[in-house]
Amino acid sequence: MIKAIHHVQIAVSRQVEQETISFYKNIMQFKEIPKPDNLKKNGGAWFELGLQQFHIAPEDVPEEYNSKSKRHVCFLVEDIEAIKLHLQKNKVEIIEDNQPIVELKRFYFRDPAGNRVECAQIKY
């Protein structure tokens, strides 16, 4: 019945909406795609990642809403050390994996809206 994930949407407070969009566009280097005209008034942004999309949506939530949550999106990367170094150069705090999974090298960070993000590389 279900074939795939089309997109993931994260919530951001309106206070950090533009900073978060800039983070994913400029630091994470995601490709921004146009939102449908009827949704542009809602703010946020859409990005394309291969066959999937990543959406940012502003919501009236307290800024600490995301920073206390363990929920997260996981981005699969080709070179875990390269992305870690890139993030560190951009002053993003890395949260090391304290519960290793045999088949993955991984770490976490929090985006400007406090969303927990995982980066992982499959071990071969």
N, C-alpha and C. Protein backbone atom coordinates (compact mmCIF):
# COMPACT_ATOMS: atom_id res chain seq x y z
N MET A 1 0.81 -1.20 0.00
CA MET A 1 0.00 0.00 0.00
C MET A 1 0.86 1.27 0.00
N ILE A 2 1.77 1.39 0.95
CA ILE A 2 2.64 2.58 1.01
C ILE A 2 3.90 2.27 0.22
N LYS A 3 4.27 3.20 -0.68
CA LYS A 3 5.42 2.99 -1.55
C LYS A 3 6.69 3.66 -1.05
N ALA A 4 6.57 4.82 -0.43
CA ALA A 4 7.77 5.57 -0.05
C ALA A 4 7.36 6.77 0.80
N ILE A 5 8.36 7.47 1.32
CA ILE A 5 8.12 8.74 1.98
C ILE A 5 8.31 9.84 0.95
N HIS A 6 7.32 10.69 0.81
CA HIS A 6 7.41 11.80 -0.14
C HIS A 6 8.13 12.99 0.48
N HIS A 7 7.75 13.34 1.72
CA HIS A 7 8.41 14.45 2.39
C HIS A 7 8.30 14.32 3.90
N VAL A 8 9.16 15.07 4.55
CA VAL A 8 9.14 15.23 6.00
C VAL A 8 8.99 16.72 6.26
N GLN A 9 8.17 17.08 7.23
CA GLN A 9 8.00 18.48 7.57
C GLN A 9 8.40 18.69 9.02
N ILE A 10 9.19 19.74 9.25
CA ILE A 10 9.56 20.10 10.62
C ILE A 10 8.89 21.41 10.98
N ALA A 11 8.63 21.59 12.26
CA ALA A 11 8.02 22.82 12.77
C ALA A 11 9.10 23.73 13.33
N VAL A 12 8.95 25.00 13.07
CA VAL A 12 9.86 26.00 13.62
C VAL A 12 9.04 27.15 14.17
N SER A 13 9.53 27.77 15.23
CA SER A 13 8.83 28.95 15.73
C SER A 13 9.05 30.08 14.72
N ARG A 14 8.12 30.98 14.67
CA ARG A 14 8.21 32.09 13.71
C ARG A 14 9.45 32.96 13.97
N GLN A 15 9.92 32.98 15.22
CA GLN A 15 11.08 33.81 15.57
C GLN A 15 12.36 33.32 14.87
N VAL A 16 12.45 32.04 14.58
CA VAL A 16 13.68 31.51 13.96
C VAL A 16 13.42 30.91 12.58
N GLU A 17 12.28 31.24 11.99
CA GLU A 17 11.91 30.69 10.67
C GLU A 17 12.98 31.01 9.62
N GLN A 18 13.32 32.28 9.46
CA GLN A 18 14.26 32.65 8.40
C GLN A 18 15.67 32.11 8.68
N GLU A 19 16.08 32.12 9.93
CA GLU A 19 17.39 31.58 10.29
C GLU A 19 17.46 30.08 9.98
N THR A 20 16.37 29.37 10.23
CA THR A 20 16.33 27.93 9.97
C THR A 20 16.32 27.64 8.47
N ILE A 21 15.56 28.41 7.72
CA ILE A 21 15.55 28.25 6.26
C ILE A 21 16.95 28.51 5.71
N SER A 22 17.58 29.56 6.17
CA SER A 22 18.94 29.89 5.73
C SER A 22 19.92 28.77 6.08
N PHE A 23 19.77 28.18 7.26
CA PHE A 23 20.64 27.08 7.69
C PHE A 23 20.56 25.92 6.71
N TYR A 24 19.35 25.48 6.39
CA TYR A 24 19.20 24.33 5.49
C TYR A 24 19.61 24.68 4.06
N LYS A 25 19.38 25.90 3.64
CA LYS A 25 19.74 26.31 2.28
C LYS A 25 21.24 26.53 2.14
N ASN A 26 21.85 27.23 3.08
CA ASN A 26 23.25 27.63 2.93
C ASN A 26 24.25 26.70 3.59
N ILE A 27 23.98 26.25 4.80
CA ILE A 27 24.93 25.38 5.49
C ILE A 27 24.74 23.92 5.08
N MET A 28 23.48 23.46 5.09
CA MET A 28 23.22 22.07 4.68
C MET A 28 23.21 21.92 3.16
N GLN A 29 23.13 23.02 2.45
CA GLN A 29 23.18 23.07 0.99
C GLN A 29 22.05 22.28 0.32
N PHE A 30 20.85 22.36 0.93
CA PHE A 30 19.67 21.73 0.34
C PHE A 30 19.20 22.60 -0.82
N LYS A 31 18.63 21.96 -1.82
CA LYS A 31 18.11 22.66 -3.00
C LYS A 31 16.67 23.10 -2.73
N GLU A 32 16.47 24.42 -2.65
CA GLU A 32 15.13 24.94 -2.40
C GLU A 32 14.30 24.82 -3.67
N ILE A 33 13.04 24.42 -3.50
CA ILE A 33 12.11 24.32 -4.61
C ILE A 33 10.90 25.21 -4.32
N PRO A 34 10.22 25.67 -5.36
CA PRO A 34 9.08 26.55 -5.13
C PRO A 34 7.93 25.83 -4.44
N LYS A 35 7.28 26.55 -3.55
CA LYS A 35 6.05 26.05 -2.93
C LYS A 35 4.90 26.37 -3.88
N PRO A 36 3.84 25.58 -3.83
CA PRO A 36 2.65 25.94 -4.62
C PRO A 36 2.16 27.33 -4.23
N ASP A 37 1.65 28.08 -5.21
CA ASP A 37 1.21 29.46 -4.97
C ASP A 37 0.24 29.57 -3.79
N ASN A 38 -0.68 28.62 -3.67
CA ASN A 38 -1.69 28.71 -2.62
C ASN A 38 -1.12 28.44 -1.22
N LEU A 39 0.12 27.96 -1.13
CA LEU A 39 0.74 27.69 0.18
C LEU A 39 1.81 28.71 0.57
N LYS A 40 2.21 29.55 -0.37
CA LYS A 40 3.28 30.53 -0.08
C LYS A 40 2.93 31.45 1.08
N LYS A 41 1.65 31.78 1.23
CA LYS A 41 1.23 32.70 2.30
C LYS A 41 1.49 32.12 3.69
N ASN A 42 1.69 30.81 3.77
CA ASN A 42 1.93 30.15 5.07
C ASN A 42 3.36 30.30 5.55
N GLY A 43 4.26 30.77 4.69
CA GLY A 43 5.66 30.89 5.06
C GLY A 43 6.38 29.57 4.93
N GLY A 44 7.56 29.50 5.51
CA GLY A 44 8.35 28.27 5.44
C GLY A 44 9.03 28.12 4.10
N ALA A 45 9.51 26.91 3.86
CA ALA A 45 10.23 26.61 2.61
C ALA A 45 10.19 25.12 2.35
N TRP A 46 10.38 24.77 1.08
CA TRP A 46 10.46 23.37 0.67
C TRP A 46 11.82 23.14 0.01
N PHE A 47 12.36 21.96 0.28
CA PHE A 47 13.64 21.58 -0.30
C PHE A 47 13.52 20.20 -0.93
N GLU A 48 14.32 19.95 -1.94
CA GLU A 48 14.33 18.66 -2.62
C GLU A 48 15.62 17.91 -2.24
N LEU A 49 15.45 16.65 -1.84
CA LEU A 49 16.58 15.79 -1.49
C LEU A 49 16.40 14.48 -2.25
N GLY A 50 16.97 14.39 -3.43
CA GLY A 50 16.76 13.19 -4.23
C GLY A 50 15.29 13.07 -4.60
N LEU A 51 14.69 11.94 -4.26
CA LEU A 51 13.28 11.71 -4.55
C LEU A 51 12.35 12.19 -3.44
N GLN A 52 12.93 12.65 -2.34
CA GLN A 52 12.13 13.11 -1.21
C GLN A 52 12.21 14.63 -1.09
N GLN A 53 11.31 15.16 -0.29
CA GLN A 53 11.31 16.58 0.00
C GLN A 53 11.40 16.79 1.51
N PHE A 54 11.90 17.95 1.87
CA PHE A 54 12.04 18.37 3.27
C PHE A 54 11.36 19.73 3.38
N HIS A 55 10.35 19.82 4.23
CA HIS A 55 9.57 21.05 4.36
C HIS A 55 9.80 21.68 5.74
N ILE A 56 9.87 23.00 5.73
CA ILE A 56 9.97 23.77 6.96
C ILE A 56 8.69 24.58 7.09
N ALA A 57 8.02 24.46 8.23
CA ALA A 57 6.75 25.16 8.43
C ALA A 57 6.77 25.94 9.74
N PRO A 58 6.50 27.24 9.66
CA PRO A 58 6.41 28.02 10.89
C PRO A 58 5.12 27.70 11.63
N GLU A 59 5.23 27.61 12.95
CA GLU A 59 4.06 27.36 13.79
C GLU A 59 4.19 28.23 15.03
N ASP A 60 3.07 28.48 15.64
CA ASP A 60 3.07 29.23 16.90
C ASP A 60 3.39 28.26 18.04
N VAL A 61 4.67 27.98 18.18
CA VAL A 61 5.13 27.07 19.23
C VAL A 61 6.20 27.79 20.05
N PRO A 62 6.31 27.48 21.32
CA PRO A 62 7.40 28.06 22.12
C PRO A 62 8.75 27.62 21.55
N GLU A 63 9.75 28.48 21.66
CA GLU A 63 11.07 28.15 21.10
C GLU A 63 11.65 26.88 21.71
N GLU A 64 11.34 26.58 22.96
CA GLU A 64 11.90 25.38 23.60
C GLU A 64 11.15 24.11 23.20
N TYR A 65 10.08 24.23 22.43
CA TYR A 65 9.28 23.08 22.01
C TYR A 65 10.14 21.99 21.36
N ASN A 66 10.99 22.38 20.44
CA ASN A 66 11.82 21.41 19.72
C ASN A 66 13.04 20.97 20.52
N SER A 67 13.63 21.88 21.28
CA SER A 67 14.91 21.61 21.92
C SER A 67 14.86 20.54 22.99
N LYS A 68 13.67 20.16 23.44
CA LYS A 68 13.55 19.12 24.47
C LYS A 68 13.12 17.78 23.90
N SER A 69 12.87 17.73 22.61
CA SER A 69 12.34 16.52 21.99
C SER A 69 13.45 15.62 21.43
N LYS A 70 13.20 14.32 21.47
CA LYS A 70 14.12 13.35 20.87
C LYS A 70 13.72 13.03 19.43
N ARG A 71 12.51 13.46 19.00
CA ARG A 71 12.11 13.14 17.63
C ARG A 71 13.11 13.78 16.68
N HIS A 72 13.30 13.15 15.56
CA HIS A 72 14.31 13.65 14.63
C HIS A 72 14.11 13.07 13.24
N VAL A 73 14.78 13.70 12.30
CA VAL A 73 14.91 13.20 10.96
C VAL A 73 16.36 12.74 10.83
N CYS A 74 16.58 11.69 10.04
CA CYS A 74 17.94 11.19 9.82
C CYS A 74 18.29 11.34 8.35
N PHE A 75 19.39 12.04 8.09
CA PHE A 75 19.88 12.21 6.74
C PHE A 75 21.02 11.23 6.50
N LEU A 76 20.89 10.43 5.47
CA LEU A 76 21.93 9.49 5.08
C LEU A 76 22.98 10.24 4.28
N VAL A 77 24.25 10.10 4.67
CA VAL A 77 25.34 10.83 4.02
C VAL A 77 26.37 9.85 3.47
N GLU A 78 27.14 10.32 2.51
CA GLU A 78 28.20 9.48 1.93
C GLU A 78 29.46 9.49 2.78
N ASP A 79 29.77 10.65 3.38
CA ASP A 79 31.02 10.80 4.15
C ASP A 79 30.71 11.48 5.48
N ILE A 80 30.53 10.70 6.50
CA ILE A 80 30.12 11.20 7.81
C ILE A 80 31.13 12.19 8.39
N GLU A 81 32.41 11.92 8.20
CA GLU A 81 33.44 12.80 8.74
C GLU A 81 33.45 14.15 8.02
N ALA A 82 33.20 14.14 6.72
CA ALA A 82 33.18 15.39 5.96
C ALA A 82 32.01 16.28 6.39
N ILE A 83 30.84 15.71 6.57
CA ILE A 83 29.69 16.52 7.00
C ILE A 83 29.89 17.02 8.43
N LYS A 84 30.48 16.18 9.27
CA LYS A 84 30.75 16.61 10.65
C LYS A 84 31.71 17.80 10.65
N LEU A 85 32.77 17.72 9.89
CA LEU A 85 33.74 18.80 9.81
C LEU A 85 33.09 20.07 9.23
N HIS A 86 32.29 19.91 8.20
CA HIS A 86 31.59 21.04 7.60
C HIS A 86 30.69 21.74 8.63
N LEU A 87 29.94 20.96 9.38
CA LEU A 87 29.06 21.53 10.39
C LEU A 87 29.86 22.23 11.49
N GLN A 88 30.94 21.59 11.95
CA GLN A 88 31.77 22.20 12.99
C GLN A 88 32.37 23.52 12.52
N LYS A 89 32.79 23.57 11.25
CA LYS A 89 33.34 24.82 10.71
C LYS A 89 32.29 25.92 10.69
N ASN A 90 31.03 25.52 10.63
CA ASN A 90 29.92 26.47 10.64
C ASN A 90 29.33 26.65 12.03
N LYS A 91 30.12 26.27 13.04
CA LYS A 91 29.78 26.47 14.45
C LYS A 91 28.51 25.74 14.91
N VAL A 92 28.28 24.57 14.31
CA VAL A 92 27.16 23.72 14.72
C VAL A 92 27.70 22.73 15.73
N GLU A 93 27.07 22.66 16.89
CA GLU A 93 27.50 21.74 17.94
C GLU A 93 27.11 20.31 17.58
N ILE A 94 28.09 19.43 17.58
CA ILE A 94 27.87 18.01 17.28
C ILE A 94 27.55 17.28 18.58
N ILE A 95 26.54 16.43 18.51
CA ILE A 95 26.17 15.58 19.65
C ILE A 95 26.55 14.16 19.25
N GLU A 96 27.57 13.63 19.87
CA GLU A 96 28.07 12.31 19.50
C GLU A 96 27.07 11.22 19.85
N ASP A 97 27.12 10.15 19.11
CA ASP A 97 26.25 8.99 19.31
C ASP A 97 26.67 8.27 20.58
N ASN A 98 25.76 8.16 21.55
CA ASN A 98 26.09 7.43 22.77
C ASN A 98 25.40 6.07 22.83
N GLN A 99 24.72 5.70 21.75
CA GLN A 99 24.09 4.38 21.65
C GLN A 99 24.37 3.84 20.24
N PRO A 100 25.58 3.36 20.00
CA PRO A 100 25.96 2.93 18.66
C PRO A 100 25.05 1.84 18.08
N ILE A 101 24.91 1.89 16.79
CA ILE A 101 24.21 0.86 16.02
C ILE A 101 25.26 0.23 15.12
N VAL A 102 25.33 -1.07 15.09
CA VAL A 102 26.40 -1.78 14.39
C VAL A 102 26.56 -1.32 12.94
N GLU A 103 25.45 -1.18 12.21
CA GLU A 103 25.57 -0.90 10.78
C GLU A 103 25.67 0.59 10.42
N LEU A 104 25.65 1.48 11.42
CA LEU A 104 25.69 2.91 11.14
C LEU A 104 26.77 3.65 11.93
N LYS A 105 27.42 4.60 11.25
CA LYS A 105 28.20 5.63 11.93
C LYS A 105 27.25 6.81 11.97
N ARG A 106 27.11 7.48 13.12
CA ARG A 106 26.14 8.56 13.18
C ARG A 106 26.48 9.57 14.26
N PHE A 107 25.87 10.73 14.13
CA PHE A 107 25.92 11.77 15.14
C PHE A 107 24.65 12.62 15.00
N TYR A 108 24.44 13.49 15.96
CA TYR A 108 23.28 14.37 15.96
C TYR A 108 23.72 15.82 16.07
N PHE A 109 22.80 16.70 15.76
CA PHE A 109 22.96 18.13 16.04
C PHE A 109 21.56 18.72 16.14
N ARG A 110 21.48 19.95 16.56
CA ARG A 110 20.19 20.66 16.60
C ARG A 110 20.27 21.84 15.64
N ASP A 111 19.22 21.99 14.85
CA ASP A 111 19.18 23.11 13.92
C ASP A 111 18.82 24.40 14.67
N PRO A 112 18.80 25.55 14.00
CA PRO A 112 18.51 26.80 14.71
C PRO A 112 17.16 26.84 15.43
N ALA A 113 16.22 25.99 15.01
CA ALA A 113 14.91 25.93 15.67
C ALA A 113 14.89 24.91 16.80
N GLY A 114 16.03 24.25 17.05
CA GLY A 114 16.11 23.26 18.12
C GLY A 114 15.74 21.85 17.69
N ASN A 115 15.38 21.65 16.42
CA ASN A 115 15.05 20.31 15.94
C ASN A 115 16.27 19.41 15.99
N ARG A 116 16.09 18.21 16.50
CA ARG A 116 17.17 17.22 16.55
C ARG A 116 17.31 16.61 15.16
N VAL A 117 18.55 16.55 14.67
CA VAL A 117 18.84 16.03 13.35
C VAL A 117 19.93 14.99 13.48
N GLU A 118 19.75 13.86 12.81
CA GLU A 118 20.76 12.80 12.79
C GLU A 118 21.38 12.75 11.40
N CYS A 119 22.70 12.57 11.36
CA CYS A 119 23.41 12.27 10.12
C CYS A 119 23.99 10.89 10.29
N ALA A 120 23.83 10.04 9.28
CA ALA A 120 24.30 8.66 9.38
C ALA A 120 24.93 8.20 8.09
N GLN A 121 25.91 7.34 8.24
CA GLN A 121 26.56 6.70 7.10
C GLN A 121 26.50 5.20 7.33
N ILE A 122 26.09 4.47 6.31
CA ILE A 122 26.02 3.02 6.42
C ILE A 122 27.43 2.46 6.40
N LYS A 123 27.75 1.59 7.36
CA LYS A 123 29.06 0.95 7.40
C LYS A 123 29.05 -0.21 6.42
N TYR A 124 30.12 -0.31 5.64
CA TYR A 124 30.22 -1.43 4.68
C TYR A 124 31.24 -2.41 5.13
